[in-house]
Protein backbone atom coordinates (compact mmCIF):
# COMPACT_ATOMS: atom_id res chain seq x y z
CA MET A 1 -0.21 0.08 -0.20
CA SER A 2 0.95 3.58 -0.91
CA THR A 3 0.37 6.66 1.27
CA THR A 4 1.08 9.98 0.62
CA LEU A 5 1.58 12.57 2.56
CA THR A 6 2.09 16.53 2.57
CA VAL A 7 4.71 18.19 4.34
CA SER A 8 5.59 21.31 5.05
CA GLY A 9 8.62 22.87 6.58
CA MET A 10 11.31 20.66 4.55
CA ALA A 11 13.62 23.01 2.57
CA CYS A 12 16.79 21.17 1.78
CA ASP A 13 18.43 17.19 0.68
CA GLY A 14 19.20 17.52 4.72
CA CYS A 15 14.96 18.31 5.62
CA GLU A 16 14.45 15.05 3.35
CA ARG A 17 16.81 12.74 5.00
CA ASN A 18 15.44 14.09 8.57
CA VAL A 19 11.58 13.08 7.21
CA GLU A 20 12.90 9.77 5.82
CA GLU A 21 14.80 8.89 8.91
CA ALA A 22 11.53 9.30 11.09
CA VAL A 23 9.37 7.59 8.68
CA GLU A 24 11.77 4.61 8.52
CA SER A 25 11.40 4.61 12.14
CA VAL A 26 7.71 3.38 12.29
CA PRO A 27 7.07 -0.13 12.19
CA GLY A 28 5.45 -1.18 9.09
CA VAL A 29 7.03 1.19 6.41
CA GLU A 30 8.88 -0.94 3.36
CA ARG A 31 9.90 2.38 1.56
CA VAL A 32 10.05 6.29 2.27
CA ASP A 33 10.50 8.75 -0.51
CA ALA A 34 10.65 12.44 0.55
CA ASP A 35 10.80 14.98 -1.88
CA HIS A 36 11.07 18.92 -0.42
CA ASP A 37 10.51 20.69 -3.84
CA ALA A 38 6.77 19.07 -3.71
CA GLY A 39 6.42 18.98 -0.35
CA ARG A 40 5.58 15.24 0.32
CA VAL A 41 6.49 12.00 1.56
CA THR A 42 5.66 8.63 -0.02
CA VAL A 43 5.77 5.70 1.69
CA GLU A 44 5.51 2.01 0.72
CA GLY A 45 3.94 -0.70 3.29
CA ASP A 46 1.15 -0.76 5.40
CA ALA A 47 2.28 1.73 8.57
CA ASP A 48 -0.44 3.38 9.91
CA VAL A 49 -1.44 7.02 8.35
CA ASP A 50 -1.73 8.52 12.11
CA THR A 51 1.79 7.81 13.47
CA LEU A 52 3.39 8.68 10.32
CA VAL A 53 1.98 12.33 11.10
CA SER A 54 3.30 11.58 14.41
CA ALA A 55 6.59 10.88 13.27
CA ILE A 56 7.13 13.46 11.03
CA ASP A 57 5.66 16.28 13.72
CA GLU A 58 8.09 15.09 16.52
CA ALA A 59 10.90 15.42 13.70
CA GLY A 60 10.07 19.20 13.45
CA TYR A 61 7.87 19.20 10.53
CA GLU A 62 4.50 19.43 9.46
CA ALA A 63 2.54 16.58 8.01
CA THR A 64 -1.02 16.44 6.96
CA ALA A 65 -3.18 13.26 5.23
């Protein structure tokens, strides 16, 4: 299953890495790809959406489903 979230606050490649690392720590994530230019992150796997949003928020960015 693929989930795409809108993420605000990502301004560079380092921000993408921060978001990807936060999302990778969530159980059920198989693959993650953050794109700061588009302001979104795409997650493959069966992770809970609310848990993904929380992980991104805790990393210092704002995510919405």
